[in-house]
Amino acid sequence: MSTGKSISPPRLVAWETTRACNLVCRHCRAEAVLEPPADELSHEEALSMLEDIAAWKPSPMVILSGGEPLMRPDILELASYGTSRGLKMLLSTNGTLVTPQLAADMKGAGVARVSLSLDGPDAASHDDFRGMPGAFEALKRGAAYLREAGLSFQINTTLTAGNLSQAEIMTAMTVELGAAAHHIFLLVPVGRAGDMESLSAEEYEAALKTIKQREPSLTIDFKATCAPQYQRIGREMGLSAGRHSGRGCLAGQGFMFVSSTGICQGCGYLPLSAGSVREKSIVEVYEKSPLFVALRDRLTYRGKCGDCEYWNICGGCRARAHAQGDYLGPEPLCPHQPQSGKGAEA
């Protein structure tokens, strides 16, 4: 249903620039392949989409992701064009392809920040997770090249049953690498991750409490993503929300994802189409598509997420709910039982 309210632009638009990737990661949402599919957005289509994104005021930040975006030949041209249109361009890479020249070229194209992926505290664990011997050392070299180029970067870590106990070590490594921030992601069971072992809701709850308790002592910017219950946990523990105090699940509420073929989704882990940028303006899709309208309307949510007093700051992960059969249903990794009915404010 439409609320009749004006829709604020998304703060972030993540574009899967290509499904091509040089790694075979165990958790890959995109189930990336070595060669890019033939039907990916062309250079001209990409420029048109960036032009539409720039029409939003204030303009969203744009994350150039993949696959591995550095395998797309025109990626720096696209970054430079977005920058010229007033967009803050970010780039998410596995880090293995970064060279001193490429780091300098990314900075020259106006890339504001790069994210690198670290999923194990040593070569054995990281390389196994990423499916390539040498990935760990290549990541560290890439981080050094970015530092030398004066390009800000952050470390992203996907937390799984296998590496959760090493989260603190990886935050310390993030500091050692010279990163500006450490962002952790709770595993979402889509793509190749569907076959990975998952922790129970209670185990994740305990882990997030430990992480939240440690957060105030960190000397680096820290953010939990795909963990919408993190804000609730902080409130229940009486701890500050910290710098990143926005809503937990951002799907359709400040965030949207565009696939390599132009399909718009609430997020990359939620494989439901809201429309294609080949058929409609990305602005129209975000503001008017039934999928995005439903994601923004709490009255459409079912089960305990719809009844929860923390809906405004959490909302439950829509992708994990979808994996259970109903994208508007309850978040399976949240053990919280609502204390009040639909419409309550936390």
C-alpha atoms as a PDB file:
ATOM      1  CA  MET A   1       0.000   0.000   0.000  1.00  0.00           C
ATOM      2  CA  SER A   2       1.177   3.560  -0.524  1.00  0.00           C
ATOM      3  CA  THR A   3       1.488   5.823   2.514  1.00  0.00           C
ATOM      4  CA  GLY A   4       1.209   9.019   0.467  1.00  0.00           C
ATOM      5  CA  LYS A   5       4.373  10.352   2.118  1.00  0.00           C
ATOM      6  CA  SER A   6       7.307  11.711   0.149  1.00  0.00           C
ATOM      7  CA  ILE A   7      10.096   9.172  -0.065  1.00  0.00           C
ATOM      8  CA  SER A   8      13.568  10.200   0.984  1.00  0.00           C
ATOM      9  CA  PRO A   9      16.328   9.121  -1.402  1.00  0.00           C
ATOM     10  CA  PRO A  10      18.372   6.072  -0.411  1.00  0.00           C
ATOM     11  CA  ARG A  11      21.622   6.854   1.353  1.00  0.00           C
ATOM     12  CA  LEU A  12      23.384   3.970  -0.365  1.00  0.00           C
ATOM     13  CA  VAL A  13      23.024   2.306  -3.748  1.00  0.00           C
ATOM     14  CA  ALA A  14      25.085  -0.868  -4.167  1.00  0.00           C
ATOM     15  CA  TRP A  15      25.672  -1.861  -7.778  1.00  0.00           C
ATOM     16  CA  GLU A  16      26.928  -5.330  -8.635  1.00  0.00           C
ATOM     17  CA  THR A  17      29.060  -4.082 -11.537  1.00  0.00           C
ATOM     18  CA  THR A  18      29.880  -7.633 -12.659  1.00  0.00           C
ATOM     19  CA  ARG A  19      29.497 -11.229 -11.539  1.00  0.00           C
ATOM     20  CA  ALA A  20      33.009 -11.992 -12.758  1.00  0.00           C
ATOM     21  CA  CYS A  21      35.479 -12.802  -9.977  1.00  0.00           C
ATOM     22  CA  ASN A  22      38.936 -14.321  -9.640  1.00  0.00           C
ATOM     23  CA  LEU A  23      38.051 -16.077  -6.377  1.00  0.00           C
ATOM     24  CA  VAL A  24      35.599 -18.832  -5.420  1.00  0.00           C
ATOM     25  CA  CYS A  25      34.471 -17.721  -1.963  1.00  0.00           C
ATOM     26  CA  ARG A  26      32.511 -20.142   0.190  1.00  0.00           C
ATOM     27  CA  HIS A  27      29.897 -17.546   1.147  1.00  0.00           C
ATOM     28  CA  CYS A  28      29.444 -15.830  -2.230  1.00  0.00           C
ATOM     29  CA  ARG A  29      25.968 -14.333  -2.573  1.00  0.00           C
ATOM     30  CA  ALA A  30      26.395 -13.853  -6.318  1.00  0.00           C
ATOM     31  CA  GLU A  31      27.837 -17.320  -6.982  1.00  0.00           C
ATOM     32  CA  ALA A  32      30.380 -15.386  -9.034  1.00  0.00           C
ATOM     33  CA  VAL A  33      32.054 -16.871 -12.102  1.00  0.00           C
ATOM     34  CA  LEU A  34      35.374 -16.281 -13.850  1.00  0.00           C
ATOM     35  CA  GLU A  35      33.854 -14.864 -17.049  1.00  0.00           C
ATOM     36  CA  PRO A  36      31.158 -12.147 -16.918  1.00  0.00           C
ATOM     37  CA  PRO A  37      27.702 -13.037 -18.280  1.00  0.00           C
ATOM     38  CA  ALA A  38      26.941 -11.470 -21.665  1.00  0.00           C
ATOM     39  CA  ASP A  39      23.821  -9.634 -20.456  1.00  0.00           C
ATOM     40  CA  GLU A  40      25.443  -7.380 -17.864  1.00  0.00           C
ATOM     41  CA  LEU A  41      24.741  -3.640 -18.037  1.00  0.00           C
ATOM     42  CA  SER A  42      26.720  -2.023 -20.845  1.00  0.00           C
ATOM     43  CA  HIS A  43      28.928   1.023 -20.370  1.00  0.00           C
ATOM     44  CA  GLU A  44      26.204   3.284 -21.766  1.00  0.00           C
ATOM     45  CA  GLU A  45      23.490   1.725 -19.600  1.00  0.00           C
ATOM     46  CA  ALA A  46      25.701   2.169 -16.544  1.00  0.00           C
ATOM     47  CA  LEU A  47      26.301   5.843 -17.337  1.00  0.00           C
ATOM     48  CA  SER A  48      22.550   6.376 -17.704  1.00  0.00           C
ATOM     49  CA  MET A  49      21.878   4.729 -14.350  1.00  0.00           C
ATOM     50  CA  LEU A  50      24.524   6.869 -12.620  1.00  0.00           C
ATOM     51  CA  GLU A  51      22.928   9.958 -14.172  1.00  0.00           C
ATOM     52  CA  ASP A  52      19.562   8.947 -12.702  1.00  0.00           C
ATOM     53  CA  ILE A  53      21.112   8.313  -9.283  1.00  0.00           C
ATOM     54  CA  ALA A  54      22.721  11.761  -9.363  1.00  0.00           C
ATOM     55  CA  ALA A  55      19.250  13.289  -9.875  1.00  0.00           C
ATOM     56  CA  TRP A  56      18.350  12.387  -6.283  1.00  0.00           C
ATOM     57  CA  LYS A  57      18.935  15.193  -3.796  1.00  0.00           C
ATOM     58  CA  PRO A  58      20.733  14.603  -1.579  1.00  0.00           C
ATOM     59  CA  SER A  59      22.642  12.198  -3.789  1.00  0.00           C
ATOM     60  CA  PRO A  60      23.228   8.675  -2.457  1.00  0.00           C
ATOM     61  CA  MET A  61      26.653   7.124  -2.087  1.00  0.00           C
ATOM     62  CA  VAL A  62      27.303   4.448  -4.709  1.00  0.00           C
ATOM     63  CA  ILE A  63      29.117   1.207  -3.891  1.00  0.00           C
ATOM     64  CA  LEU A  64      30.752  -0.431  -6.900  1.00  0.00           C
ATOM     65  CA  SER A  65      30.700  -4.105  -5.954  1.00  0.00           C
ATOM     66  CA  GLY A  66      30.706  -7.530  -7.602  1.00  0.00           C
ATOM     67  CA  GLY A  67      31.770 -10.265  -8.121  1.00  0.00           C
ATOM     68  CA  GLU A  68      35.071  -8.449  -8.332  1.00  0.00           C
ATOM     69  CA  PRO A  69      34.577  -4.931  -9.721  1.00  0.00           C
ATOM     70  CA  LEU A  70      38.235  -4.634 -10.692  1.00  0.00           C
ATOM     71  CA  MET A  71      37.570  -7.306 -13.352  1.00  0.00           C
ATOM     72  CA  ARG A  72      35.237  -4.906 -15.162  1.00  0.00           C
ATOM     73  CA  PRO A  73      37.405  -3.084 -17.754  1.00  0.00           C
ATOM     74  CA  ASP A  74      35.578   0.261 -17.535  1.00  0.00           C
ATOM     75  CA  ILE A  75      35.244   0.357 -13.748  1.00  0.00           C
ATOM     76  CA  LEU A  76      37.492   3.403 -13.253  1.00  0.00           C
ATOM     77  CA  GLU A  77      35.767   5.291 -16.057  1.00  0.00           C
ATOM     78  CA  LEU A  78      32.451   4.659 -14.312  1.00  0.00           C
ATOM     79  CA  ALA A  79      33.881   5.727 -10.955  1.00  0.00           C
ATOM     80  CA  SER A  80      35.228   8.903 -12.516  1.00  0.00           C
ATOM     81  CA  TYR A  81      31.896   9.662 -14.209  1.00  0.00           C
ATOM     82  CA  GLY A  82      29.980   9.185 -10.955  1.00  0.00           C
ATOM     83  CA  THR A  83      32.414  11.496  -9.195  1.00  0.00           C
ATOM     84  CA  SER A  84      31.945  14.121 -11.910  1.00  0.00           C
ATOM     85  CA  ARG A  85      28.177  13.984 -11.310  1.00  0.00           C
ATOM     86  CA  GLY A  86      28.636  14.730  -7.614  1.00  0.00           C
ATOM     87  CA  LEU A  87      28.285  11.156  -6.353  1.00  0.00           C
ATOM     88  CA  LYS A  88      30.454   9.749  -3.580  1.00  0.00           C
ATOM     89  CA  MET A  89      31.875   6.614  -5.179  1.00  0.00           C
ATOM     90  CA  LEU A  90      32.953   3.637  -3.061  1.00  0.00           C
ATOM     91  CA  LEU A  91      34.480   0.381  -4.278  1.00  0.00           C
ATOM     92  CA  SER A  92      34.262  -3.081  -2.705  1.00  0.00           C
ATOM     93  CA  THR A  93      37.023  -5.517  -3.705  1.00  0.00           C
ATOM     94  CA  ASN A  94      38.576  -8.724  -2.408  1.00  0.00           C
ATOM     95  CA  GLY A  95      41.903  -6.874  -2.566  1.00  0.00           C
ATOM     96  CA  THR A  96      43.900  -9.449  -4.488  1.00  0.00           C
ATOM     97  CA  LEU A  97      44.053  -7.457  -7.748  1.00  0.00           C
ATOM     98  CA  VAL A  98      45.130  -4.132  -6.245  1.00  0.00           C
ATOM     99  CA  THR A  99      48.483  -2.868  -7.530  1.00  0.00           C
ATOM    100  CA  PRO A 100      50.313   0.403  -6.756  1.00  0.00           C
ATOM    101  CA  GLN A 101      49.207   1.844 -10.115  1.00  0.00           C
ATOM    102  CA  LEU A 102      45.605   0.697  -9.687  1.00  0.00           C
ATOM    103  CA  ALA A 103      45.459   2.200  -6.197  1.00  0.00           C
ATOM    104  CA  ALA A 104      46.693   5.517  -7.586  1.00  0.00           C
ATOM    105  CA  ASP A 105      44.217   5.301 -10.476  1.00  0.00           C
ATOM    106  CA  MET A 106      41.309   4.635  -8.111  1.00  0.00           C
ATOM    107  CA  LYS A 107      42.224   7.713  -6.110  1.00  0.00           C
ATOM    108  CA  GLY A 108      42.510   9.692  -9.339  1.00  0.00           C
ATOM    109  CA  ALA A 109      39.027   8.528 -10.377  1.00  0.00           C
ATOM    110  CA  GLY A 110      37.623   9.990  -7.183  1.00  0.00           C
ATOM    111  CA  VAL A 111      36.958   6.751  -5.308  1.00  0.00           C
ATOM    112  CA  ALA A 112      36.342   7.960  -1.761  1.00  0.00           C
ATOM    113  CA  ARG A 113      36.841   4.662   0.046  1.00  0.00           C
ATOM    114  CA  VAL A 114      37.651   1.049  -0.749  1.00  0.00           C
ATOM    115  CA  SER A 115      36.490  -1.956   1.238  1.00  0.00           C
ATOM    116  CA  LEU A 116      38.639  -5.086   1.457  1.00  0.00           C
ATOM    117  CA  SER A 117      37.431  -8.471   2.692  1.00  0.00           C
ATOM    118  CA  LEU A 118      39.153 -10.323   5.546  1.00  0.00           C
ATOM    119  CA  ASP A 119      37.505 -13.546   6.706  1.00  0.00           C
ATOM    120  CA  GLY A 120      40.254 -15.294   8.644  1.00  0.00           C
ATOM    121  CA  PRO A 121      43.161 -14.116  10.838  1.00  0.00           C
ATOM    122  CA  ASP A 122      45.779 -16.143   8.945  1.00  0.00           C
ATOM    123  CA  ALA A 123      46.568 -17.484   5.491  1.00  0.00           C
ATOM    124  CA  ALA A 124      45.180 -20.963   6.146  1.00  0.00           C
ATOM    125  CA  SER A 125      41.719 -19.793   7.241  1.00  0.00           C
ATOM    126  CA  HIS A 126      41.329 -16.813   4.902  1.00  0.00           C
ATOM    127  CA  ASP A 127      42.600 -18.654   1.823  1.00  0.00           C
ATOM    128  CA  ASP A 128      40.297 -21.598   2.522  1.00  0.00           C
ATOM    129  CA  PHE A 129      37.306 -19.240   2.891  1.00  0.00           C
ATOM    130  CA  ARG A 130      38.200 -17.352  -0.286  1.00  0.00           C
ATOM    131  CA  GLY A 131      39.065 -20.400  -2.364  1.00  0.00           C
ATOM    132  CA  MET A 132      42.520 -19.229  -3.496  1.00  0.00           C
ATOM    133  CA  PRO A 133      45.994 -19.922  -2.092  1.00  0.00           C
ATOM    134  CA  GLY A 134      47.792 -16.644  -1.541  1.00  0.00           C
ATOM    135  CA  ALA A 135      44.621 -14.561  -1.086  1.00  0.00           C
ATOM    136  CA  PHE A 136      45.645 -13.542   2.449  1.00  0.00           C
ATOM    137  CA  GLU A 137      49.046 -12.204   1.441  1.00  0.00           C
ATOM    138  CA  ALA A 138      47.550 -10.515  -1.625  1.00  0.00           C
ATOM    139  CA  LEU A 139      44.991  -8.788   0.612  1.00  0.00           C
ATOM    140  CA  LYS A 140      47.726  -7.437   2.870  1.00  0.00           C
ATOM    141  CA  ARG A 141      49.704  -6.191  -0.137  1.00  0.00           C
ATOM    142  CA  GLY A 142      46.577  -4.523  -1.510  1.00  0.00           C
ATOM    143  CA  ALA A 143      45.994  -2.764   1.818  1.00  0.00           C
ATOM    144  CA  ALA A 144      49.592  -1.499   1.800  1.00  0.00           C
ATOM    145  CA  TYR A 145      49.210  -0.147  -1.744  1.00  0.00           C
ATOM    146  CA  LEU A 146      46.027   1.700  -0.780  1.00  0.00           C
ATOM    147  CA  ARG A 147      47.770   3.209   2.249  1.00  0.00           C
ATOM    148  CA  GLU A 148      50.680   4.351   0.080  1.00  0.00           C
ATOM    149  CA  ALA A 149      48.244   5.951  -2.380  1.00  0.00           C
ATOM    150  CA  GLY A 150      46.513   7.811   0.445  1.00  0.00           C
ATOM    151  CA  LEU A 151      43.215   6.084  -0.293  1.00  0.00           C
ATOM    152  CA  SER A 152      40.948   5.403   2.680  1.00  0.00           C
ATOM    153  CA  PHE A 153      39.889   1.778   3.107  1.00  0.00           C
ATOM    154  CA  GLN A 154      37.904  -0.380   5.487  1.00  0.00           C
ATOM    155  CA  ILE A 155      37.902  -4.079   6.253  1.00  0.00           C
ATOM    156  CA  ASN A 156      34.712  -6.134   5.854  1.00  0.00           C
ATOM    157  CA  THR A 157      34.407  -9.483   7.631  1.00  0.00           C
ATOM    158  CA  THR A 158      31.633 -12.047   7.218  1.00  0.00           C
ATOM    159  CA  LEU A 159      31.114 -13.811  10.543  1.00  0.00           C
ATOM    160  CA  THR A 160      30.267 -17.501  10.352  1.00  0.00           C
ATOM    161  CA  ALA A 161      30.188 -20.473  12.693  1.00  0.00           C
ATOM    162  CA  GLY A 162      33.788 -21.131  11.665  1.00  0.00           C
ATOM    163  CA  ASN A 163      35.365 -17.732  12.374  1.00  0.00           C
ATOM    164  CA  LEU A 164      33.103 -16.106  14.973  1.00  0.00           C
ATOM    165  CA  SER A 165      35.546 -16.855  17.794  1.00  0.00           C
ATOM    166  CA  GLN A 166      38.249 -14.969  15.857  1.00  0.00           C
ATOM    167  CA  ALA A 167      36.291 -11.717  15.429  1.00  0.00           C
ATOM    168  CA  GLU A 168      38.352  -9.827  18.025  1.00  0.00           C
ATOM    169  CA  ILE A 169      41.611 -10.927  16.403  1.00  0.00           C
ATOM    170  CA  MET A 170      40.410  -9.718  13.007  1.00  0.00           C
ATOM    171  CA  THR A 171      39.461  -6.325  14.441  1.00  0.00           C
ATOM    172  CA  ALA A 172      43.006  -6.039  15.804  1.00  0.00           C
ATOM    173  CA  MET A 173      44.358  -6.992  12.373  1.00  0.00           C
ATOM    174  CA  THR A 174      42.191  -4.291  10.814  1.00  0.00           C
ATOM    175  CA  VAL A 175      43.932  -1.715  13.001  1.00  0.00           C
ATOM    176  CA  GLU A 176      47.363  -3.135  12.102  1.00  0.00           C
ATOM    177  CA  LEU A 177      46.574  -2.917   8.381  1.00  0.00           C
ATOM    178  CA  GLY A 178      45.852   0.801   8.741  1.00  0.00           C
ATOM    179  CA  ALA A 179      42.154   0.608   7.845  1.00  0.00           C
ATOM    180  CA  ALA A 180      39.725   3.372   8.749  1.00  0.00           C
ATOM    181  CA  ALA A 181      36.972   0.998   9.880  1.00  0.00           C
ATOM    182  CA  HIS A 182      35.972  -2.609  10.532  1.00  0.00           C
ATOM    183  CA  HIS A 183      32.514  -3.677   9.352  1.00  0.00           C
ATOM    184  CA  ILE A 184      31.263  -7.117  10.326  1.00  0.00           C
ATOM    185  CA  PHE A 185      28.500  -8.936   8.441  1.00  0.00           C
ATOM    186  CA  LEU A 186      26.410 -11.780   9.811  1.00  0.00           C
ATOM    187  CA  LEU A 187      26.215 -14.629   7.297  1.00  0.00           C
ATOM    188  CA  VAL A 188      23.067 -14.621   5.163  1.00  0.00           C
ATOM    189  CA  PRO A 189      22.235 -18.087   3.730  1.00  0.00           C
ATOM    190  CA  VAL A 190      21.942 -17.244   0.025  1.00  0.00           C
ATOM    191  CA  GLY A 191      24.078 -18.271  -2.940  1.00  0.00           C
ATOM    192  CA  ARG A 192      26.949 -20.522  -1.902  1.00  0.00           C
ATOM    193  CA  ALA A 193      26.376 -19.598   1.747  1.00  0.00           C
ATOM    194  CA  GLY A 194      23.208 -21.701   1.702  1.00  0.00           C
ATOM    195  CA  ASP A 195      25.360 -24.774   2.317  1.00  0.00           C
ATOM    196  CA  MET A 196      27.369 -23.278   5.181  1.00  0.00           C
ATOM    197  CA  GLU A 197      26.840 -24.102   8.848  1.00  0.00           C
ATOM    198  CA  SER A 198      24.806 -21.472  10.659  1.00  0.00           C
ATOM    199  CA  LEU A 199      24.732 -20.591  14.328  1.00  0.00           C
ATOM    200  CA  SER A 200      21.455 -20.651  16.236  1.00  0.00           C
ATOM    201  CA  ALA A 201      19.615 -17.452  17.106  1.00  0.00           C
ATOM    202  CA  GLU A 202      20.751 -17.808  20.722  1.00  0.00           C
ATOM    203  CA  GLU A 203      24.398 -18.281  19.707  1.00  0.00           C
ATOM    204  CA  TYR A 204      24.330 -15.208  17.481  1.00  0.00           C
ATOM    205  CA  GLU A 205      22.637 -13.214  20.238  1.00  0.00           C
ATOM    206  CA  ALA A 206      25.392 -14.141  22.695  1.00  0.00           C
ATOM    207  CA  ALA A 207      28.097 -13.324  20.135  1.00  0.00           C
ATOM    208  CA  LEU A 208      26.601  -9.915  19.342  1.00  0.00           C
ATOM    209  CA  LYS A 209      26.379  -9.095  23.055  1.00  0.00           C
ATOM    210  CA  THR A 210      30.086  -9.848  23.412  1.00  0.00           C
ATOM    211  CA  ILE A 211      30.915  -7.703  20.382  1.00  0.00           C
ATOM    212  CA  LYS A 212      28.697  -4.837  21.573  1.00  0.00           C
ATOM    213  CA  GLN A 213      30.310  -4.907  24.992  1.00  0.00           C
ATOM    214  CA  ARG A 214      33.750  -4.649  23.390  1.00  0.00           C
ATOM    215  CA  GLU A 215      32.825  -1.870  20.950  1.00  0.00           C
ATOM    216  CA  PRO A 216      33.342   1.152  23.290  1.00  0.00           C
ATOM    217  CA  SER A 217      36.994   0.155  23.833  1.00  0.00           C
ATOM    218  CA  LEU A 218      37.838   0.015  20.118  1.00  0.00           C
ATOM    219  CA  THR A 219      40.179   2.595  18.610  1.00  0.00           C
ATOM    220  CA  ILE A 220      38.684   2.170  15.140  1.00  0.00           C
ATOM    221  CA  ASP A 221      35.305   2.893  13.554  1.00  0.00           C
ATOM    222  CA  PHE A 222      33.137  -0.209  13.860  1.00  0.00           C
ATOM    223  CA  LYS A 223      29.811  -1.232  12.323  1.00  0.00           C
ATOM    224  CA  ALA A 224      27.658  -4.376  12.388  1.00  0.00           C
ATOM    225  CA  THR A 225      25.798  -5.086   9.125  1.00  0.00           C
ATOM    226  CA  CYS A 226      23.165  -7.747   8.355  1.00  0.00           C
ATOM    227  CA  ALA A 227      22.755  -7.859  12.133  1.00  0.00           C
ATOM    228  CA  PRO A 228      19.658  -5.679  12.665  1.00  0.00           C
ATOM    229  CA  GLN A 229      19.242  -6.940  16.238  1.00  0.00           C
ATOM    230  CA  TYR A 230      22.548  -5.249  17.174  1.00  0.00           C
ATOM    231  CA  GLN A 231      20.838  -1.927  17.989  1.00  0.00           C
ATOM    232  CA  ARG A 232      18.221  -3.666  20.157  1.00  0.00           C
ATOM    233  CA  ILE A 233      20.934  -5.542  22.015  1.00  0.00           C
ATOM    234  CA  GLY A 234      22.779  -2.295  22.693  1.00  0.00           C
ATOM    235  CA  ARG A 235      19.650  -0.665  24.116  1.00  0.00           C
ATOM    236  CA  GLU A 236      18.892  -3.657  26.296  1.00  0.00           C
ATOM    237  CA  MET A 237      22.462  -3.549  27.617  1.00  0.00           C
ATOM    238  CA  GLY A 238      22.210   0.189  28.294  1.00  0.00           C
ATOM    239  CA  LEU A 239      25.082   0.951  25.911  1.00  0.00           C
ATOM    240  CA  SER A 240      25.426   3.849  23.504  1.00  0.00           C
ATOM    241  CA  ALA A 241      24.283   3.262  19.941  1.00  0.00           C
ATOM    242  CA  GLY A 242      27.678   4.514  18.814  1.00  0.00           C
ATOM    243  CA  ARG A 243      28.381   6.350  15.585  1.00  0.00           C
ATOM    244  CA  HIS A 244      26.235   3.999  13.495  1.00  0.00           C
ATOM    245  CA  SER A 245      22.833   4.366  15.126  1.00  0.00           C
ATOM    246  CA  GLY A 246      20.613   3.977  12.070  1.00  0.00           C
ATOM    247  CA  ARG A 247      18.040   1.285  11.414  1.00  0.00           C
ATOM    248  CA  GLY A 248      19.158  -2.332  11.455  1.00  0.00           C
ATOM    249  CA  CYS A 249      17.782  -3.755   8.195  1.00  0.00           C
ATOM    250  CA  LEU A 250      18.056  -1.076   5.517  1.00  0.00           C
ATOM    251  CA  ALA A 251      16.487  -3.032   2.640  1.00  0.00           C
ATOM    252  CA  GLY A 252      14.269  -0.510   0.859  1.00  0.00           C
ATOM    253  CA  GLN A 253      14.773   1.971   3.700  1.00  0.00           C
ATOM    254  CA  GLY A 254      17.841   3.953   2.813  1.00  0.00           C
ATOM    255  CA  PHE A 255      19.462   1.219   0.752  1.00  0.00           C
ATOM    256  CA  MET A 256      18.943  -0.528  -2.569  1.00  0.00           C
ATOM    257  CA  PHE A 257      20.877  -3.029  -4.675  1.00  0.00           C
ATOM    258  CA  VAL A 258      21.202  -3.244  -8.454  1.00  0.00           C
ATOM    259  CA  SER A 259      22.335  -6.523 -10.010  1.00  0.00           C
ATOM    260  CA  SER A 260      24.832  -6.766 -12.846  1.00  0.00           C
ATOM    261  CA  THR A 261      21.902  -7.103 -15.255  1.00  0.00           C
ATOM    262  CA  GLY A 262      20.027  -4.085 -13.866  1.00  0.00           C
ATOM    263  CA  ILE A 263      17.540  -5.810 -11.543  1.00  0.00           C
ATOM    264  CA  CYS A 264      16.723  -3.695  -8.462  1.00  0.00           C
ATOM    265  CA  GLN A 265      16.438  -5.453  -5.088  1.00  0.00           C
ATOM    266  CA  GLY A 266      16.000  -4.430  -1.475  1.00  0.00           C
ATOM    267  CA  CYS A 267      19.504  -5.725  -0.849  1.00  0.00           C
ATOM    268  CA  GLY A 268      21.916  -8.104  -2.528  1.00  0.00           C
ATOM    269  CA  TYR A 269      20.846 -10.966  -0.286  1.00  0.00           C
ATOM    270  CA  LEU A 270      17.127 -10.535  -1.010  1.00  0.00           C
ATOM    271  CA  PRO A 271      16.604 -12.089  -4.472  1.00  0.00           C
ATOM    272  CA  LEU A 272      13.274 -10.428  -5.257  1.00  0.00           C
ATOM    273  CA  SER A 273      12.970  -8.080  -8.229  1.00  0.00           C
ATOM    274  CA  ALA A 274      11.493  -4.611  -7.786  1.00  0.00           C
ATOM    275  CA  GLY A 275      12.001  -3.801 -11.455  1.00  0.00           C
ATOM    276  CA  SER A 276      14.805  -3.210 -13.945  1.00  0.00           C
ATOM    277  CA  VAL A 277      16.760  -0.044 -14.677  1.00  0.00           C
ATOM    278  CA  ARG A 278      16.555  -1.117 -18.319  1.00  0.00           C
ATOM    279  CA  GLU A 279      12.811  -0.508 -18.185  1.00  0.00           C
ATOM    280  CA  LYS A 280      12.328   2.227 -15.593  1.00  0.00           C
ATOM    281  CA  SER A 281      14.288   4.955 -13.865  1.00  0.00           C
ATOM    282  CA  ILE A 282      15.995   3.708 -10.716  1.00  0.00           C
ATOM    283  CA  VAL A 283      14.263   6.583  -8.912  1.00  0.00           C
ATOM    284  CA  GLU A 284      10.829   5.336  -9.959  1.00  0.00           C
ATOM    285  CA  VAL A 285      11.660   1.767  -8.935  1.00  0.00           C
ATOM    286  CA  TYR A 286      12.811   2.787  -5.460  1.00  0.00           C
ATOM    287  CA  GLU A 287       9.938   5.154  -4.778  1.00  0.00           C
ATOM    288  CA  LYS A 288       6.996   3.279  -6.332  1.00  0.00           C
ATOM    289  CA  SER A 289       7.645  -0.446  -6.770  1.00  0.00           C
ATOM    290  CA  PRO A 290       5.337  -2.663  -4.656  1.00  0.00           C
ATOM    291  CA  LEU A 291       8.377  -4.446  -3.173  1.00  0.00           C
ATOM    292  CA  PHE A 292       9.985  -1.275  -1.825  1.00  0.00           C
ATOM    293  CA  VAL A 293       6.661   0.141  -0.686  1.00  0.00           C
ATOM    294  CA  ALA A 294       5.993  -3.041   1.306  1.00  0.00           C
ATOM    295  CA  LEU A 295       9.474  -3.020   2.858  1.00  0.00           C
ATOM    296  CA  ARG A 296       8.868   0.498   4.160  1.00  0.00           C
ATOM    297  CA  ASP A 297       5.398  -0.209   5.618  1.00  0.00           C
ATOM    298  CA  ARG A 298       5.473  -1.872   9.025  1.00  0.00           C
ATOM    299  CA  LEU A 299       1.812  -2.845   8.694  1.00  0.00           C
ATOM    300  CA  THR A 300       2.818  -5.373   6.021  1.00  0.00           C
ATOM    301  CA  TYR A 301       5.233  -7.211   8.335  1.00  0.00           C
ATOM    302  CA  ARG A 302       4.052 -10.530   9.731  1.00  0.00           C
ATOM    303  CA  GLY A 303       4.811 -12.446  12.894  1.00  0.00           C
ATOM    304  CA  LYS A 304       6.882 -11.129  15.737  1.00  0.00           C
ATOM    305  CA  CYS A 305       8.838  -8.656  13.573  1.00  0.00           C
ATOM    306  CA  GLY A 306       5.585  -6.883  12.729  1.00  0.00           C
ATOM    307  CA  ASP A 307       4.624  -6.805  16.408  1.00  0.00           C
ATOM    308  CA  CYS A 308       8.038  -5.847  17.760  1.00  0.00           C
ATOM    309  CA  GLU A 309       8.581  -2.666  19.734  1.00  0.00           C
ATOM    310  CA  TYR A 310      12.036  -2.398  18.135  1.00  0.00           C
ATOM    311  CA  TRP A 311      10.806  -2.337  14.512  1.00  0.00           C
ATOM    312  CA  ASN A 312      11.991   1.231  13.944  1.00  0.00           C
ATOM    313  CA  ILE A 313      15.611   0.440  14.847  1.00  0.00           C
ATOM    314  CA  CYS A 314      15.722  -3.214  13.776  1.00  0.00           C
ATOM    315  CA  GLY A 315      13.093  -4.585  11.408  1.00  0.00           C
ATOM    316  CA  GLY A 316      14.664  -8.036  11.252  1.00  0.00           C
ATOM    317  CA  CYS A 317      16.750  -9.243   8.304  1.00  0.00           C
ATOM    318  CA  ARG A 318      14.394  -9.460   5.320  1.00  0.00           C
ATOM    319  CA  ALA A 319      16.796 -11.731   3.430  1.00  0.00           C
ATOM    320  CA  ARG A 320      16.980 -14.328   6.199  1.00  0.00           C
ATOM    321  CA  ALA A 321      13.193 -14.129   6.560  1.00  0.00           C
ATOM    322  CA  HIS A 322      12.883 -14.728   2.799  1.00  0.00           C
ATOM    323  CA  ALA A 323      15.182 -17.737   3.067  1.00  0.00           C
ATOM    324  CA  GLN A 324      12.606 -19.141   5.508  1.00  0.00           C
ATOM    325  CA  GLY A 325       9.804 -18.578   2.980  1.00  0.00           C
ATOM    326  CA  ASP A 326       8.398 -15.085   3.708  1.00  0.00           C
ATOM    327  CA  TYR A 327      10.391 -11.884   3.191  1.00  0.00           C
ATOM    328  CA  LEU A 328       7.923 -10.005   5.420  1.00  0.00           C
ATOM    329  CA  GLY A 329       7.956 -12.696   8.094  1.00  0.00           C
ATOM    330  CA  PRO A 330       9.989 -12.996  11.301  1.00  0.00           C
ATOM    331  CA  GLU A 331      13.794 -12.850  11.403  1.00  0.00           C
ATOM    332  CA  PRO A 332      14.939 -16.427  12.219  1.00  0.00           C
ATOM    333  CA  LEU A 333      18.153 -15.355  13.990  1.00  0.00           C
ATOM    334  CA  CYS A 334      16.427 -13.162  16.584  1.00  0.00           C
ATOM    335  CA  PRO A 335      15.219 -14.813  19.818  1.00  0.00           C
ATOM    336  CA  HIS A 336      13.590 -11.616  21.132  1.00  0.00           C
ATOM    337  CA  GLN A 337       9.897 -11.872  22.008  1.00  0.00           C
ATOM    338  CA  PRO A 338       8.003  -8.588  21.464  1.00  0.00           C
ATOM    339  CA  GLN A 339       6.623  -6.844  24.504  1.00  0.00           C
ATOM    340  CA  SER A 340       4.006  -4.794  22.677  1.00  0.00           C
ATOM    341  CA  GLY A 341       1.860  -4.896  19.553  1.00  0.00           C
ATOM    342  CA  LYS A 342       2.157  -3.471  16.066  1.00  0.00           C
ATOM    343  CA  GLY A 343       2.503   0.291  15.996  1.00  0.00           C
ATOM    344  CA  ALA A 344       4.546   0.606  19.202  1.00  0.00           C
ATOM    345  CA  GLU A 345       7.696   2.707  19.163  1.00  0.00           C
ATOM    346  CA  ALA A 346      10.965   1.680  20.750  1.00  0.00           C
END
